PDB file of N, CA and C in Angstrom:
ATOM      1  N   MET A   1      50.756  80.365 -19.843  1.00  0.00           N
ATOM      2  CA  MET A   1      51.027  79.488 -20.976  1.00  0.00           C
ATOM      3  C   MET A   1      52.191  78.566 -20.620  1.00  0.00           C
ATOM      4  N   GLY A   2      52.001  77.284 -20.823  1.00  0.00           N
ATOM      5  CA  GLY A   2      53.031  76.319 -20.479  1.00  0.00           C
ATOM      6  C   GLY A   2      53.822  75.866 -21.695  1.00  0.00           C
ATOM      7  N   TYR A   3      55.024  75.424 -21.427  1.00  0.00           N
ATOM      8  CA  TYR A   3      55.905  74.890 -22.465  1.00  0.00           C
ATOM      9  C   TYR A   3      56.190  73.454 -22.100  1.00  0.00           C
ATOM     10  N   ARG A   4      56.017  72.549 -23.049  1.00  0.00           N
ATOM     11  CA  ARG A   4      55.998  71.134 -22.738  1.00  0.00           C
ATOM     12  C   ARG A   4      56.939  70.359 -23.640  1.00  0.00           C
ATOM     13  N   ALA A   5      57.489  69.266 -23.091  1.00  0.00           N
ATOM     14  CA  ALA A   5      58.285  68.323 -23.874  1.00  0.00           C
ATOM     15  C   ALA A   5      58.076  66.943 -23.268  1.00  0.00           C
ATOM     16  N   SER A   6      58.224  65.912 -24.098  1.00  0.00           N
ATOM     17  CA  SER A   6      58.030  64.554 -23.591  1.00  0.00           C
ATOM     18  C   SER A   6      58.954  63.580 -24.310  1.00  0.00           C
ATOM     19  N   HIS A   7      59.199  62.477 -23.652  1.00  0.00           N
ATOM     20  CA  HIS A   7      59.961  61.367 -24.226  1.00  0.00           C
ATOM     21  C   HIS A   7      59.082  60.128 -24.074  1.00  0.00           C
ATOM     22  N   GLN A   8      58.605  59.636 -25.195  1.00  0.00           N
ATOM     23  CA  GLN A   8      57.717  58.480 -25.178  1.00  0.00           C
ATOM     24  C   GLN A   8      58.526  57.183 -25.189  1.00  0.00           C
ATOM     25  N   TYR A   9      58.048  56.189 -24.499  1.00  0.00           N
ATOM     26  CA  TYR A   9      58.622  54.831 -24.489  1.00  0.00           C
ATOM     27  C   TYR A   9      60.071  54.805 -23.990  1.00  0.00           C
ATOM     28  N   ALA A  10      60.362  55.568 -22.956  1.00  0.00           N
ATOM     29  CA  ALA A  10      61.703  55.546 -22.369  1.00  0.00           C
ATOM     30  C   ALA A  10      61.912  54.195 -21.688  1.00  0.00           C
ATOM     31  N   ARG A  11      63.074  53.590 -21.887  1.00  0.00           N
ATOM     32  CA  ARG A  11      63.335  52.245 -21.370  1.00  0.00           C
ATOM     33  C   ARG A  11      63.829  52.301 -19.924  1.00  0.00           C
ATOM     34  N   ILE A  12      62.958  52.760 -19.052  1.00  0.00           N
ATOM     35  CA  ILE A  12      63.257  52.789 -17.629  1.00  0.00           C
ATOM     36  C   ILE A  12      61.935  52.626 -16.886  1.00  0.00           C
ATOM     37  N   SER A  13      62.008  52.091 -15.710  1.00  0.00           N
ATOM     38  CA  SER A  13      60.816  51.872 -14.903  1.00  0.00           C
ATOM     39  C   SER A  13      60.184  53.207 -14.510  1.00  0.00           C
ATOM     40  N   PRO A  14      58.853  53.330 -14.583  1.00  0.00           N
ATOM     41  CA  PRO A  14      58.221  54.596 -14.195  1.00  0.00           C
ATOM     42  C   PRO A  14      58.428  54.920 -12.719  1.00  0.00           C
ATOM     43  N   ARG A  15      58.615  53.923 -11.904  1.00  0.00           N
ATOM     44  CA  ARG A  15      58.843  54.165 -10.477  1.00  0.00           C
ATOM     45  C   ARG A  15      60.214  54.815 -10.245  1.00  0.00           C
ATOM     46  N   LYS A  16      61.228  54.320 -10.964  1.00  0.00           N
ATOM     47  CA  LYS A  16      62.570  54.884 -10.821  1.00  0.00           C
ATOM     48  C   LYS A  16      62.634  56.289 -11.399  1.00  0.00           C
ATOM     49  N   ALA A  17      61.973  56.511 -12.533  1.00  0.00           N
ATOM     50  CA  ALA A  17      61.975  57.843 -13.135  1.00  0.00           C
ATOM     51  C   ALA A  17      61.134  58.811 -12.304  1.00  0.00           C
ATOM     52  N   GLY A  18      60.078  58.319 -11.691  1.00  0.00           N
ATOM     53  CA  GLY A  18      59.207  59.169 -10.885  1.00  0.00           C
ATOM     54  C   GLY A  18      59.901  59.737  -9.664  1.00  0.00           C
ATOM     55  N   MET A  19      60.868  58.995  -9.116  1.00  0.00           N
ATOM     56  CA  MET A  19      61.610  59.491  -7.960  1.00  0.00           C
ATOM     57  C   MET A  19      62.427  60.728  -8.336  1.00  0.00           C
ATOM     58  N   VAL A  20      63.009  60.721  -9.531  1.00  0.00           N
ATOM     59  CA  VAL A  20      63.790  61.872  -9.989  1.00  0.00           C
ATOM     60  C   VAL A  20      62.853  63.013 -10.380  1.00  0.00           C
ATOM     61  N   MET A  21      61.715  62.692 -10.979  1.00  0.00           N
ATOM     62  CA  MET A  21      60.745  63.717 -11.366  1.00  0.00           C
ATOM     63  C   MET A  21      60.226  64.474 -10.148  1.00  0.00           C
ATOM     64  N   SER A  22      59.958  63.761  -9.063  1.00  0.00           N
ATOM     65  CA  SER A  22      59.458  64.434  -7.865  1.00  0.00           C
ATOM     66  C   SER A  22      60.531  65.324  -7.245  1.00  0.00           C
ATOM     67  N   MET A  23      61.801  65.009  -7.518  1.00  0.00           N
ATOM     68  CA  MET A  23      62.897  65.822  -6.989  1.00  0.00           C
ATOM     69  C   MET A  23      62.928  67.212  -7.641  1.00  0.00           C
ATOM     70  N   ILE A  24      62.611  67.295  -8.945  1.00  0.00           N
ATOM     71  CA  ILE A  24      62.730  68.576  -9.651  1.00  0.00           C
ATOM     72  C   ILE A  24      61.413  69.330  -9.759  1.00  0.00           C
ATOM     73  N   ARG A  25      60.307  68.719  -9.411  1.00  0.00           N
ATOM     74  CA  ARG A  25      59.004  69.370  -9.555  1.00  0.00           C
ATOM     75  C   ARG A  25      58.942  70.620  -8.670  1.00  0.00           C
ATOM     76  N   GLY A  26      58.576  71.758  -9.268  1.00  0.00           N
ATOM     77  CA  GLY A  26      58.464  73.011  -8.535  1.00  0.00           C
ATOM     78  C   GLY A  26      59.740  73.832  -8.485  1.00  0.00           C
ATOM     79  N   MET A  27      60.852  73.303  -8.968  1.00  0.00           N
ATOM     80  CA  MET A  27      62.130  74.023  -8.921  1.00  0.00           C
ATOM     81  C   MET A  27      62.230  75.037 -10.062  1.00  0.00           C
ATOM     82  N   PRO A  28      62.995  76.108  -9.845  1.00  0.00           N
ATOM     83  CA  PRO A  28      63.333  76.981 -10.980  1.00  0.00           C
ATOM     84  C   PRO A  28      64.157  76.198 -12.004  1.00  0.00           C
ATOM     85  N   LEU A  29      64.143  76.670 -13.237  1.00  0.00           N
ATOM     86  CA  LEU A  29      64.744  75.931 -14.350  1.00  0.00           C
ATOM     87  C   LEU A  29      66.227  75.662 -14.152  1.00  0.00           C
ATOM     88  N   GLU A  30      67.011  76.682 -13.828  1.00  0.00           N
ATOM     89  CA  GLU A  30      68.459  76.495 -13.677  1.00  0.00           C
ATOM     90  C   GLU A  30      68.791  75.569 -12.513  1.00  0.00           C
ATOM     91  N   GLU A  31      68.046  75.696 -11.430  1.00  0.00           N
ATOM     92  CA  GLU A  31      68.288  74.844 -10.263  1.00  0.00           C
ATOM     93  C   GLU A  31      67.949  73.383 -10.572  1.00  0.00           C
ATOM     94  N   ALA A  32      66.894  73.153 -11.354  1.00  0.00           N
ATOM     95  CA  ALA A  32      66.515  71.790 -11.729  1.00  0.00           C
ATOM     96  C   ALA A  32      67.575  71.168 -12.634  1.00  0.00           C
ATOM     97  N   LEU A  33      68.097  71.936 -13.583  1.00  0.00           N
ATOM     98  CA  LEU A  33      69.157  71.422 -14.459  1.00  0.00           C
ATOM     99  C   LEU A  33      70.413  71.071 -13.663  1.00  0.00           C
ATOM    100  N   ARG A  34      70.755  71.918 -12.707  1.00  0.00           N
ATOM    101  CA  ARG A  34      71.928  71.660 -11.875  1.00  0.00           C
ATOM    102  C   ARG A  34      71.728  70.393 -11.025  1.00  0.00           C
ATOM    103  N   ALA A  35      70.534  70.231 -10.477  1.00  0.00           N
ATOM    104  CA  ALA A  35      70.249  69.045  -9.660  1.00  0.00           C
ATOM    105  C   ALA A  35      70.314  67.772 -10.500  1.00  0.00           C
ATOM    106  N   LEU A  36      69.830  67.831 -11.736  1.00  0.00           N
ATOM    107  CA  LEU A  36      69.863  66.656 -12.606  1.00  0.00           C
ATOM    108  C   LEU A  36      71.282  66.329 -13.051  1.00  0.00           C
ATOM    109  N   ASP A  37      72.098  67.353 -13.284  1.00  0.00           N
ATOM    110  CA  ASP A  37      73.476  67.115 -13.718  1.00  0.00           C
ATOM    111  C   ASP A  37      74.300  66.408 -12.646  1.00  0.00           C
ATOM    112  N   PHE A  38      73.981  66.668 -11.381  1.00  0.00           N
ATOM    113  CA  PHE A  38      74.751  66.059 -10.298  1.00  0.00           C
ATOM    114  C   PHE A  38      74.078  64.838  -9.679  1.00  0.00           C
ATOM    115  N   SER A  39      72.933  64.444 -10.189  1.00  0.00           N
ATOM    116  CA  SER A  39      72.241  63.280  -9.646  1.00  0.00           C
ATOM    117  C   SER A  39      72.892  61.994 -10.175  1.00  0.00           C
ATOM    118  N   PRO A  40      73.113  60.999  -9.319  1.00  0.00           N
ATOM    119  CA  PRO A  40      73.746  59.755  -9.771  1.00  0.00           C
ATOM    120  C   PRO A  40      72.784  58.785 -10.451  1.00  0.00           C
ATOM    121  N   ARG A  41      71.508  59.071 -10.458  1.00  0.00           N
ATOM    122  CA  ARG A  41      70.531  58.132 -11.011  1.00  0.00           C
ATOM    123  C   ARG A  41      70.549  58.140 -12.542  1.00  0.00           C
ATOM    124  N   ARG A  42      70.260  56.976 -13.129  1.00  0.00           N
ATOM    125  CA  ARG A  42      70.271  56.839 -14.589  1.00  0.00           C
ATOM    126  C   ARG A  42      69.148  57.643 -15.232  1.00  0.00           C
ATOM    127  N   ALA A  43      68.029  57.769 -14.545  1.00  0.00           N
ATOM    128  CA  ALA A  43      66.896  58.516 -15.090  1.00  0.00           C
ATOM    129  C   ALA A  43      67.201  59.999 -15.212  1.00  0.00           C
ATOM    130  N   ALA A  44      68.141  60.495 -14.438  1.00  0.00           N
ATOM    131  CA  ALA A  44      68.438  61.934 -14.445  1.00  0.00           C
ATOM    132  C   ALA A  44      68.931  62.399 -15.813  1.00  0.00           C
ATOM    133  N   ALA A  45      69.707  61.585 -16.492  1.00  0.00           N
ATOM    134  CA  ALA A  45      70.210  61.970 -17.815  1.00  0.00           C
ATOM    135  C   ALA A  45      69.070  62.048 -18.832  1.00  0.00           C
ATOM    136  N   LEU A  46      68.138  61.109 -18.768  1.00  0.00           N
ATOM    137  CA  LEU A  46      66.996  61.126 -19.688  1.00  0.00           C
ATOM    138  C   LEU A  46      66.097  62.332 -19.421  1.00  0.00           C
ATOM    139  N   ILE A  47      65.871  62.603 -18.144  1.00  0.00           N
ATOM    140  CA  ILE A  47      64.991  63.707 -17.766  1.00  0.00           C
ATOM    141  C   ILE A  47      65.644  65.045 -18.103  1.00  0.00           C
ATOM    142  N   ALA A  48      66.963  65.138 -17.978  1.00  0.00           N
ATOM    143  CA  ALA A  48      67.664  66.379 -18.326  1.00  0.00           C
ATOM    144  C   ALA A  48      67.496  66.694 -19.809  1.00  0.00           C
ATOM    145  N   LYS A  49      67.520  65.672 -20.652  1.00  0.00           N
ATOM    146  CA  LYS A  49      67.308  65.899 -22.086  1.00  0.00           C
ATOM    147  C   LYS A  49      65.900  66.426 -22.360  1.00  0.00           C
ATOM    148  N   VAL A  50      64.911  65.857 -21.660  1.00  0.00           N
ATOM    149  CA  VAL A  50      63.534  66.311 -21.841  1.00  0.00           C
ATOM    150  C   VAL A  50      63.382  67.747 -21.327  1.00  0.00           C
ATOM    151  N   LEU A  51      64.020  68.053 -20.199  1.00  0.00           N
ATOM    152  CA  LEU A  51      63.944  69.396 -19.639  1.00  0.00           C
ATOM    153  C   LEU A  51      64.595  70.419 -20.572  1.00  0.00           C
ATOM    154  N   ARG A  52      65.720  70.053 -21.166  1.00  0.00           N
ATOM    155  CA  ARG A  52      66.371  70.963 -22.118  1.00  0.00           C
ATOM    156  C   ARG A  52      65.531  71.143 -23.382  1.00  0.00           C
ATOM    157  N   SER A  53      64.799  70.108 -23.767  1.00  0.00           N
ATOM    158  CA  SER A  53      63.905  70.212 -24.920  1.00  0.00           C
ATOM    159  C   SER A  53      62.739  71.160 -24.612  1.00  0.00           C
ATOM    160  N   ALA A  54      62.188  71.065 -23.413  1.00  0.00           N
ATOM    161  CA  ALA A  54      61.117  71.985 -23.015  1.00  0.00           C
ATOM    162  C   ALA A  54      61.645  73.413 -22.946  1.00  0.00           C
ATOM    163  N   MET A  55      62.897  73.566 -22.507  1.00  0.00           N
ATOM    164  CA  MET A  55      63.516  74.885 -22.456  1.00  0.00           C
ATOM    165  C   MET A  55      63.683  75.442 -23.872  1.00  0.00           C
ATOM    166  N   ALA A  56      64.064  74.595 -24.824  1.00  0.00           N
ATOM    167  CA  ALA A  56      64.199  75.027 -26.213  1.00  0.00           C
ATOM    168  C   ALA A  56      62.841  75.396 -26.806  1.00  0.00           C
ATOM    169  N   ASN A  57      61.790  74.662 -26.427  1.00  0.00           N
ATOM    170  CA  ASN A  57      60.447  75.005 -26.896  1.00  0.00           C
ATOM    171  C   ASN A  57      60.021  76.371 -26.368  1.00  0.00           C
ATOM    172  N   ALA A  58      60.367  76.649 -25.116  1.00  0.00           N
ATOM    173  CA  ALA A  58      60.026  77.948 -24.534  1.00  0.00           C
ATOM    174  C   ALA A  58      60.832  79.064 -25.206  1.00  0.00           C
ATOM    175  N   ASP A  59      62.098  78.789 -25.496  1.00  0.00           N
ATOM    176  CA  ASP A  59      62.951  79.781 -26.146  1.00  0.00           C
ATOM    177  C   ASP A  59      62.471  80.059 -27.567  1.00  0.00           C
ATOM    178  N   GLU A  60      61.962  79.049 -28.232  1.00  0.00           N
ATOM    179  CA  GLU A  60      61.435  79.194 -29.591  1.00  0.00           C
ATOM    180  C   GLU A  60      60.224  80.134 -29.615  1.00  0.00           C
ATOM    181  N   GLN A  61      59.438  80.099 -28.536  1.00  0.00           N
ATOM    182  CA  GLN A  61      58.263  80.972 -28.452  1.00  0.00           C
ATOM    183  C   GLN A  61      58.576  82.268 -27.712  1.00  0.00           C
ATOM    184  N   GLU A  62      59.875  82.564 -27.570  1.00  0.00           N
ATOM    185  CA  GLU A  62      60.380  83.809 -27.008  1.00  0.00           C
ATOM    186  C   GLU A  62      59.916  84.048 -25.579  1.00  0.00           C
ATOM    187  N   ALA A  63      60.018  83.029 -24.742  1.00  0.00           N
ATOM    188  CA  ALA A  63      59.709  83.177 -23.322  1.00  0.00           C
ATOM    189  C   ALA A  63      60.952  83.635 -22.580  1.00  0.00           C
ATOM    190  N   ASP A  64      60.746  84.225 -21.416  1.00  0.00           N
ATOM    191  CA  ASP A  64      61.861  84.655 -20.582  1.00  0.00           C
ATOM    192  C   ASP A  64      62.357  83.445 -19.789  1.00  0.00           C
ATOM    193  N   LEU A  65      63.553  82.944 -20.119  1.00  0.00           N
ATOM    194  CA  LEU A  65      64.072  81.721 -19.498  1.00  0.00           C
ATOM    195  C   LEU A  65      64.453  81.928 -18.038  1.00  0.00           C
ATOM    196  N   GLU A  66      64.643  83.172 -17.616  1.00  0.00           N
ATOM    197  CA  GLU A  66      65.056  83.441 -16.236  1.00  0.00           C
ATOM    198  C   GLU A  66      63.938  83.175 -15.232  1.00  0.00           C
ATOM    199  N   VAL A  67      62.681  83.292 -15.654  1.00  0.00           N
ATOM    200  CA  VAL A  67      61.566  83.164 -14.708  1.00  0.00           C
ATOM    201  C   VAL A  67      60.818  81.836 -14.853  1.00  0.00           C
ATOM    202  N   LEU A  68      61.333  80.923 -15.654  1.00  0.00           N
ATOM    203  CA  LEU A  68      60.659  79.630 -15.828  1.00  0.00           C
ATOM    204  C   LEU A  68      60.922  78.713 -14.644  1.00  0.00           C
ATOM    205  N   TYR A  69      59.913  77.898 -14.328  1.00  0.00           N
ATOM    206  CA  TYR A  69      60.072  76.867 -13.315  1.00  0.00           C
ATOM    207  C   TYR A  69      59.373  75.596 -13.791  1.00  0.00           C
ATOM    208  N   VAL A  70      59.691  74.474 -13.175  1.00  0.00           N
ATOM    209  CA  VAL A  70      59.122  73.184 -13.560  1.00  0.00           C
ATOM    210  C   VAL A  70      57.748  73.071 -12.909  1.00  0.00           C
ATOM    211  N   ALA A  71      56.703  73.302 -13.688  1.00  0.00           N
ATOM    212  CA  ALA A  71      55.345  73.275 -13.153  1.00  0.00           C
ATOM    213  C   ALA A  71      54.850  71.844 -12.967  1.00  0.00           C
ATOM    214  N   ASP A  72      55.172  70.975 -13.918  1.00  0.00           N
ATOM    215  CA  ASP A  72      54.715  69.586 -13.840  1.00  0.00           C
ATOM    216  C   ASP A  72      55.797  68.686 -14.402  1.00  0.00           C
ATOM    217  N   ALA A  73      56.095  67.636 -13.679  1.00  0.00           N
ATOM    218  CA  ALA A  73      57.064  66.643 -14.136  1.00  0.00           C
ATOM    219  C   ALA A  73      56.534  65.292 -13.695  1.00  0.00           C
ATOM    220  N   ARG A  74      56.281  64.420 -14.665  1.00  0.00           N
ATOM    221  CA  ARG A  74      55.724  63.110 -14.301  1.00  0.00           C
ATOM    222  C   ARG A  74      56.252  62.023 -15.223  1.00  0.00           C
ATOM    223  N   ALA A  75      56.179  60.804 -14.723  1.00  0.00           N
ATOM    224  CA  ALA A  75      56.596  59.630 -15.485  1.00  0.00           C
ATOM    225  C   ALA A  75      55.397  58.682 -15.535  1.00  0.00           C
ATOM    226  N   ASP A  76      54.664  58.716 -16.630  1.00  0.00           N
ATOM    227  CA  ASP A  76      53.500  57.847 -16.801  1.00  0.00           C
ATOM    228  C   ASP A  76      53.952  56.481 -17.294  1.00  0.00           C
ATOM    229  N   GLN A  77      53.205  55.465 -16.917  1.00  0.00           N
ATOM    230  CA  GLN A  77      53.569  54.109 -17.312  1.00  0.00           C
ATOM    231  C   GLN A  77      53.289  53.882 -18.792  1.00  0.00           C
ATOM    232  N   GLY A  78      54.249  53.249 -19.458  1.00  0.00           N
ATOM    233  CA  GLY A  78      54.099  52.885 -20.863  1.00  0.00           C
ATOM    234  C   GLY A  78      53.867  51.390 -20.981  1.00  0.00           C
ATOM    235  N   PRO A  79      53.901  50.865 -22.189  1.00  0.00           N
ATOM    236  CA  PRO A  79      53.711  49.429 -22.359  1.00  0.00           C
ATOM    237  C   PRO A  79      54.890  48.643 -21.800  1.00  0.00           C
ATOM    238  N   VAL A  80      54.611  47.432 -21.357  1.00  0.00           N
ATOM    239  CA  VAL A  80      55.642  46.562 -20.802  1.00  0.00           C
ATOM    240  C   VAL A  80      56.064  45.570 -21.877  1.00  0.00           C
ATOM    241  N   LEU A  81      57.364  45.536 -22.176  1.00  0.00           N
ATOM    242  CA  LEU A  81      57.890  44.573 -23.142  1.00  0.00           C
ATOM    243  C   LEU A  81      58.082  43.251 -22.421  1.00  0.00           C
ATOM    244  N   LYS A  82      57.532  42.198 -22.958  1.00  0.00           N
ATOM    245  CA  LYS A  82      57.637  40.890 -22.323  1.00  0.00           C
ATOM    246  C   LYS A  82      58.592  40.016 -23.125  1.00  0.00           C
ATOM    247  N   ARG A  83      59.605  39.501 -22.453  1.00  0.00           N
ATOM    248  CA  ARG A  83      60.617  38.653 -23.075  1.00  0.00           C
ATOM    249  C   ARG A  83      60.648  37.314 -22.362  1.00  0.00           C
ATOM    250  N   MET A  84      61.021  36.292 -23.080  1.00  0.00           N
ATOM    251  CA  MET A  84      61.069  34.942 -22.508  1.00  0.00           C
ATOM    252  C   MET A  84      62.518  34.551 -22.241  1.00  0.00           C
ATOM    253  N   LYS A  85      62.726  33.900 -21.101  1.00  0.00           N
ATOM    254  CA  LYS A  85      64.045  33.396 -20.743  1.00  0.00           C
ATOM    255  C   LYS A  85      63.918  31.896 -20.519  1.00  0.00           C
ATOM    256  N   PRO A  86      64.691  31.085 -21.253  1.00  0.00           N
ATOM    257  CA  PRO A  86      64.578  29.643 -21.084  1.00  0.00           C
ATOM    258  C   PRO A  86      65.046  29.201 -19.694  1.00  0.00           C
ATOM    259  N   ARG A  87      64.327  28.215 -19.147  1.00  0.00           N
ATOM    260  CA  ARG A  87      64.655  27.682 -17.836  1.00  0.00           C
ATOM    261  C   ARG A  87      64.804  26.158 -17.944  1.00  0.00           C
ATOM    262  N   ALA A  88      65.004  25.543 -16.836  1.00  0.00           N
ATOM    263  CA  ALA A  88      65.283  24.112 -16.816  1.00  0.00           C
ATOM    264  C   ALA A  88      64.076  23.287 -17.262  1.00  0.00           C
ATOM    265  N   ARG A  89      64.350  22.169 -17.880  1.00  0.00           N
ATOM    266  CA  ARG A  89      63.356  21.154 -18.267  1.00  0.00           C
ATOM    267  C   ARG A  89      62.281  21.712 -19.195  1.00  0.00           C
ATOM    268  N   GLY A  90      62.682  22.595 -20.102  1.00  0.00           N
ATOM    269  CA  GLY A  90      61.766  23.072 -21.140  1.00  0.00           C
ATOM    270  C   GLY A  90      60.805  24.160 -20.709  1.00  0.00           C
ATOM    271  N   SER A  91      60.916  24.663 -19.517  1.00  0.00           N
ATOM    272  CA  SER A  91      60.009  25.725 -19.088  1.00  0.00           C
ATOM    273  C   SER A  91      60.613  27.089 -19.433  1.00  0.00           C
ATOM    274  N   ALA A  92      59.896  28.138 -19.109  1.00  0.00           N
ATOM    275  CA  ALA A  92      60.367  29.482 -19.429  1.00  0.00           C
ATOM    276  C   ALA A  92      59.890  30.459 -18.365  1.00  0.00           C
ATOM    277  N   ASP A  93      60.669  31.521 -18.161  1.00  0.00           N
ATOM    278  CA  ASP A  93      60.281  32.623 -17.291  1.00  0.00           C
ATOM    279  C   ASP A  93      59.986  33.840 -18.163  1.00  0.00           C
ATOM    280  N   VAL A  94      59.074  34.689 -17.684  1.00  0.00           N
ATOM    281  CA  VAL A  94      58.754  35.922 -18.394  1.00  0.00           C
ATOM    282  C   VAL A  94      59.539  37.054 -17.753  1.00  0.00           C
ATOM    283  N   LEU A  95      60.337  37.751 -18.574  1.00  0.00           N
ATOM    284  CA  LEU A  95      61.039  38.942 -18.119  1.00  0.00           C
ATOM    285  C   LEU A  95      60.219  40.154 -18.527  1.00  0.00           C
ATOM    286  N   ARG A  96      59.910  41.010 -17.570  1.00  0.00           N
ATOM    287  CA  ARG A  96      59.127  42.213 -17.853  1.00  0.00           C
ATOM    288  C   ARG A  96      60.082  43.393 -17.987  1.00  0.00           C
ATOM    289  N   ARG A  97      60.073  44.046 -19.156  1.00  0.00           N
ATOM    290  CA  ARG A  97      60.923  45.213 -19.400  1.00  0.00           C
ATOM    291  C   ARG A  97      60.014  46.442 -19.440  1.00  0.00           C
ATOM    292  N   PRO A  98      59.924  47.196 -18.345  1.00  0.00           N
ATOM    293  CA  PRO A  98      58.988  48.318 -18.301  1.00  0.00           C
ATOM    294  C   PRO A  98      59.464  49.516 -19.129  1.00  0.00           C
ATOM    295  N   THR A  99      58.507  50.285 -19.611  1.00  0.00           N
ATOM    296  CA  THR A  99      58.788  51.549 -20.282  1.00  0.00           C
ATOM    297  C   THR A  99      57.925  52.623 -19.623  1.00  0.00           C
ATOM    298  N   CYS A 100      58.278  53.879 -19.868  1.00  0.00           N
ATOM    299  CA  CYS A 100      57.469  54.967 -19.332  1.00  0.00           C
ATOM    300  C   CYS A 100      57.525  56.158 -20.276  1.00  0.00           C
ATOM    301  N   HIS A 101      56.603  57.086 -20.060  1.00  0.00           N
ATOM    302  CA  HIS A 101      56.538  58.320 -20.825  1.00  0.00           C
ATOM    303  C   HIS A 101      56.941  59.455 -19.886  1.00  0.00           C
ATOM    304  N   LEU A 102      58.031  60.145 -20.207  1.00  0.00           N
ATOM    305  CA  LEU A 102      58.534  61.240 -19.389  1.00  0.00           C
ATOM    306  C   LEU A 102      57.951  62.550 -19.912  1.00  0.00           C
ATOM    307  N   ILE A 103      57.279  63.310 -19.049  1.00  0.00           N
ATOM    308  CA  ILE A 103      56.612  64.539 -19.464  1.00  0.00           C
ATOM    309  C   ILE A 103      57.042  65.671 -18.528  1.00  0.00           C
ATOM    310  N   VAL A 104      57.517  66.774 -19.108  1.00  0.00           N
ATOM    311  CA  VAL A 104      57.951  67.941 -18.339  1.00  0.00           C
ATOM    312  C   VAL A 104      57.233  69.170 -18.891  1.00  0.00           C
ATOM    313  N   GLU A 105      56.647  69.966 -18.000  1.00  0.00           N
ATOM    314  CA  GLU A 105      55.996  71.217 -18.381  1.00  0.00           C
ATOM    315  C   GLU A 105      56.616  72.364 -17.605  1.00  0.00           C
ATOM    316  N   LEU A 106      56.927  73.444 -18.315  1.00  0.00           N
ATOM    317  CA  LEU A 106      57.493  74.644 -17.719  1.00  0.00           C
ATOM    318  C   LEU A 106      56.466  75.764 -17.776  1.00  0.00           C
ATOM    319  N   GLU A 107      56.485  76.625 -16.754  1.00  0.00           N
ATOM    320  CA  GLU A 107      55.621  77.809 -16.749  1.00  0.00           C
ATOM    321  C   GLU A 107      56.429  78.986 -16.230  1.00  0.00           C
ATOM    322  N   GLU A 108      55.940  80.169 -16.522  1.00  0.00           N
ATOM    323  CA  GLU A 108      56.595  81.378 -16.047  1.00  0.00           C
ATOM    324  C   GLU A 108      56.128  81.681 -14.621  1.00  0.00           C
ATOM    325  N   ALA A 109      57.057  82.111 -13.774  1.00  0.00           N
ATOM    326  CA  ALA A 109      56.775  82.287 -12.348  1.00  0.00           C
ATOM    327  C   ALA A 109      55.787  83.414 -12.082  1.00  0.00           C
ATOM    328  N   GLY A 110      55.759  84.424 -12.898  1.00  0.00           N
ATOM    329  CA  GLY A 110      54.875  85.564 -12.661  1.00  0.00           C
ATOM    330  C   GLY A 110      53.416  85.312 -13.016  1.00  0.00           C
ATOM    331  N   LYS A 111      53.147  84.177 -13.631  1.00  0.00           N
ATOM    332  CA  LYS A 111      51.771  83.938 -14.121  1.00  0.00           C
ATOM    333  C   LYS A 111      51.073  82.889 -13.328  1.00  0.00           C
TER     334      LYS A 111
END
């Protein structure tokens, strides 16, 4: 049985968040939290919140937190916010502001 948490429409590029997600995938829970706390990347703080939320979901269903590990961690692409920036002679540039969906699933190691 897995325990899951997600953050929808996170204002970070899925590519940047995916690099941090691949770092913690497969790690035990405490080791993943420690790695995220010391990571200098901006996505690490967002992912740590999602990981702690999944941990709280597991604790709510009375799971053993000592044997949990990160079974799946992914950053799916969300909608892209498009903004206009004025340029010379009446033209405009399109600024793309990417979003992503951060998803973390925990499972027990013995299962």
